[in-house]
Amino acid sequence: MPYVIASACIDVTDKSCIEECPVDCIYEGSRKLYINPRECIDCGACEPVCPVEAISQDRRVDEEDTAFVADNRLFFTDVLPGRTEPLGTPGGSQKTGPIGIDTPMVAER
């Protein structure tokens, strides 16, 4: 997974990264944003515009945020609360609009 959004995004969701992303791979949960690892092209455009520095490459995530690497992936591969199937790879967040739910790890924080 090229880029990950970690804990600093929780309850901030500035969305500057969404506006900057050339492939529309950043999806909106309820309290946090998530990067679809199958849609991200690893361009890095999102990282410098994040005002809280929540975005980094998966191999450069701060030690206290390493769980967000797997959690970001689970947002797309697991069935989230209130949904009947995984989000998968829908082809861009403009197609889905805000998802409005988070992974259990983020929801419990």
C-alpha atoms as a PDB file:
ATOM      1  CA  MET A   1       0.000   0.000   0.000  1.00  0.00           C
ATOM      2  CA  PRO A   2       1.702   3.204  -1.090  1.00  0.00           C
ATOM      3  CA  TYR A   3       0.151   5.856   1.176  1.00  0.00           C
ATOM      4  CA  VAL A   4      -1.728   5.612   4.477  1.00  0.00           C
ATOM      5  CA  ILE A   5      -3.758   8.069   6.505  1.00  0.00           C
ATOM      6  CA  ALA A   6      -3.071   7.666  10.230  1.00  0.00           C
ATOM      7  CA  SER A   7      -4.463   8.816  13.575  1.00  0.00           C
ATOM      8  CA  ALA A   8      -3.914  12.560  13.141  1.00  0.00           C
ATOM      9  CA  CYS A   9      -6.806  12.584  10.645  1.00  0.00           C
ATOM     10  CA  ILE A  10      -9.382  11.284  13.136  1.00  0.00           C
ATOM     11  CA  ASP A  11     -12.026  13.948  13.735  1.00  0.00           C
ATOM     12  CA  VAL A  12     -10.176  16.402  11.456  1.00  0.00           C
ATOM     13  CA  THR A  13     -10.945  15.229   7.894  1.00  0.00           C
ATOM     14  CA  ASP A  14      -9.696  18.438   6.260  1.00  0.00           C
ATOM     15  CA  LYS A  15     -10.184  16.955   2.741  1.00  0.00           C
ATOM     16  CA  SER A  16      -7.351  18.931   1.124  1.00  0.00           C
ATOM     17  CA  CYS A  17      -5.921  15.566   0.136  1.00  0.00           C
ATOM     18  CA  ILE A  18      -9.125  14.602  -1.671  1.00  0.00           C
ATOM     19  CA  GLU A  19      -8.945  17.773  -3.754  1.00  0.00           C
ATOM     20  CA  GLU A  20      -5.285  17.120  -4.620  1.00  0.00           C
ATOM     21  CA  CYS A  21      -5.555  13.420  -5.487  1.00  0.00           C
ATOM     22  CA  PRO A  22      -5.380  12.968  -9.287  1.00  0.00           C
ATOM     23  CA  VAL A  23      -7.010   9.503  -9.214  1.00  0.00           C
ATOM     24  CA  ASP A  24      -9.793  10.069  -6.650  1.00  0.00           C
ATOM     25  CA  CYS A  25      -8.632   7.239  -4.349  1.00  0.00           C
ATOM     26  CA  ILE A  26      -9.292   8.898  -0.963  1.00  0.00           C
ATOM     27  CA  TYR A  27     -12.602   7.910   0.638  1.00  0.00           C
ATOM     28  CA  GLU A  28     -14.466   9.574   3.482  1.00  0.00           C
ATOM     29  CA  GLY A  29     -15.479   7.591   6.532  1.00  0.00           C
ATOM     30  CA  SER A  30     -17.357   9.132   9.424  1.00  0.00           C
ATOM     31  CA  ARG A  31     -14.366  10.368  11.433  1.00  0.00           C
ATOM     32  CA  LYS A  32     -11.381   9.706   9.144  1.00  0.00           C
ATOM     33  CA  LEU A  33     -10.293   9.485   5.507  1.00  0.00           C
ATOM     34  CA  TYR A  34      -8.902   6.316   3.891  1.00  0.00           C
ATOM     35  CA  ILE A  35      -6.690   5.742   0.833  1.00  0.00           C
ATOM     36  CA  ASN A  36      -7.668   2.810  -1.389  1.00  0.00           C
ATOM     37  CA  PRO A  37      -4.406   0.880  -1.856  1.00  0.00           C
ATOM     38  CA  ARG A  38      -5.563  -0.648  -5.147  1.00  0.00           C
ATOM     39  CA  GLU A  39      -6.433   2.728  -6.669  1.00  0.00           C
ATOM     40  CA  CYS A  40      -3.525   4.829  -5.343  1.00  0.00           C
ATOM     41  CA  ILE A  41      -0.802   5.452  -7.932  1.00  0.00           C
ATOM     42  CA  ASP A  42       1.824   6.369  -5.326  1.00  0.00           C
ATOM     43  CA  CYS A  43       2.217   9.923  -6.655  1.00  0.00           C
ATOM     44  CA  GLY A  44       2.466  11.530  -3.205  1.00  0.00           C
ATOM     45  CA  ALA A  45       0.366  14.575  -4.100  1.00  0.00           C
ATOM     46  CA  CYS A  46      -1.781  14.115  -0.985  1.00  0.00           C
ATOM     47  CA  GLU A  47       1.031  14.074   1.560  1.00  0.00           C
ATOM     48  CA  PRO A  48       2.237  17.709   1.492  1.00  0.00           C
ATOM     49  CA  VAL A  49      -1.262  19.219   1.538  1.00  0.00           C
ATOM     50  CA  CYS A  50      -2.389  17.455   4.727  1.00  0.00           C
ATOM     51  CA  PRO A  51      -2.459  20.157   7.420  1.00  0.00           C
ATOM     52  CA  VAL A  52      -2.035  17.637  10.258  1.00  0.00           C
ATOM     53  CA  GLU A  53       0.633  15.481   8.562  1.00  0.00           C
ATOM     54  CA  ALA A  54      -1.523  12.362   8.814  1.00  0.00           C
ATOM     55  CA  ILE A  55      -0.444  10.966   5.421  1.00  0.00           C
ATOM     56  CA  SER A  56       2.740   9.049   4.733  1.00  0.00           C
ATOM     57  CA  GLN A  57       4.025   6.116   2.740  1.00  0.00           C
ATOM     58  CA  ASP A  58       3.195   2.825   4.437  1.00  0.00           C
ATOM     59  CA  ARG A  59       6.863   2.118   5.146  1.00  0.00           C
ATOM     60  CA  ARG A  60       7.309   5.546   6.791  1.00  0.00           C
ATOM     61  CA  VAL A  61       4.323   5.532   9.166  1.00  0.00           C
ATOM     62  CA  ASP A  62       5.236   6.644  12.682  1.00  0.00           C
ATOM     63  CA  GLU A  63       5.760   3.701  15.017  1.00  0.00           C
ATOM     64  CA  GLU A  64       2.684   4.523  17.132  1.00  0.00           C
ATOM     65  CA  ASP A  65       0.532   4.492  13.970  1.00  0.00           C
ATOM     66  CA  THR A  66       1.682   1.239  12.340  1.00  0.00           C
ATOM     67  CA  ALA A  67      -1.727  -0.375  12.982  1.00  0.00           C
ATOM     68  CA  PHE A  68      -3.213   2.125  10.518  1.00  0.00           C
ATOM     69  CA  VAL A  69      -1.429   0.421   7.614  1.00  0.00           C
ATOM     70  CA  ALA A  70      -3.587  -2.704   8.014  1.00  0.00           C
ATOM     71  CA  ASP A  71      -6.628  -0.733   9.170  1.00  0.00           C
ATOM     72  CA  ASN A  72      -6.584   1.434   6.046  1.00  0.00           C
ATOM     73  CA  ARG A  73      -6.642  -1.727   3.898  1.00  0.00           C
ATOM     74  CA  LEU A  74      -9.463  -3.242   5.978  1.00  0.00           C
ATOM     75  CA  PHE A  75     -11.699  -0.257   5.186  1.00  0.00           C
ATOM     76  CA  PHE A  76     -11.881  -1.620   1.632  1.00  0.00           C
ATOM     77  CA  THR A  77     -11.615  -5.394   2.191  1.00  0.00           C
ATOM     78  CA  ASP A  78     -13.784  -6.056   5.274  1.00  0.00           C
ATOM     79  CA  VAL A  79     -17.535  -5.721   5.633  1.00  0.00           C
ATOM     80  CA  LEU A  80     -17.941  -2.552   7.672  1.00  0.00           C
ATOM     81  CA  PRO A  81     -20.718  -2.115  10.251  1.00  0.00           C
ATOM     82  CA  GLY A  82     -24.066  -1.483   8.571  1.00  0.00           C
ATOM     83  CA  ARG A  83     -22.880  -2.716   5.153  1.00  0.00           C
ATOM     84  CA  THR A  84     -23.577  -6.050   3.471  1.00  0.00           C
ATOM     85  CA  GLU A  85     -20.359  -6.323   1.451  1.00  0.00           C
ATOM     86  CA  PRO A  86     -16.843  -4.867   1.390  1.00  0.00           C
ATOM     87  CA  LEU A  87     -16.351  -1.535  -0.363  1.00  0.00           C
ATOM     88  CA  GLY A  88     -13.691  -3.088  -2.599  1.00  0.00           C
ATOM     89  CA  THR A  89     -12.394  -1.000  -5.479  1.00  0.00           C
ATOM     90  CA  PRO A  90     -15.296   1.139  -6.690  1.00  0.00           C
ATOM     91  CA  GLY A  91     -13.180   3.273  -9.024  1.00  0.00           C
ATOM     92  CA  GLY A  92     -13.120   6.564  -7.176  1.00  0.00           C
ATOM     93  CA  SER A  93     -14.681   8.265  -4.198  1.00  0.00           C
ATOM     94  CA  GLN A  94     -16.783  10.545  -6.389  1.00  0.00           C
ATOM     95  CA  LYS A  95     -18.717   7.447  -7.432  1.00  0.00           C
ATOM     96  CA  THR A  96     -19.495   6.469  -3.847  1.00  0.00           C
ATOM     97  CA  GLY A  97     -19.687   9.799  -2.052  1.00  0.00           C
ATOM     98  CA  PRO A  98     -18.993   9.781   1.692  1.00  0.00           C
ATOM     99  CA  ILE A  99     -19.108   6.252   3.106  1.00  0.00           C
ATOM    100  CA  GLY A 100     -20.100   7.550   6.544  1.00  0.00           C
ATOM    101  CA  ILE A 101     -18.693   4.651   8.558  1.00  0.00           C
ATOM    102  CA  ASP A 102     -15.263   3.831   9.895  1.00  0.00           C
ATOM    103  CA  THR A 103     -13.357   0.693  10.683  1.00  0.00           C
ATOM    104  CA  PRO A 104     -13.949  -0.613  14.203  1.00  0.00           C
ATOM    105  CA  MET A 105     -10.450   0.550  15.226  1.00  0.00           C
ATOM    106  CA  VAL A 106     -11.217   4.166  14.313  1.00  0.00           C
ATOM    107  CA  ALA A 107     -14.820   4.066  15.572  1.00  0.00           C
ATOM    108  CA  GLU A 108     -13.623   2.932  19.014  1.00  0.00           C
ATOM    109  CA  ARG A 109     -11.036   5.716  19.454  1.00  0.00           C
END
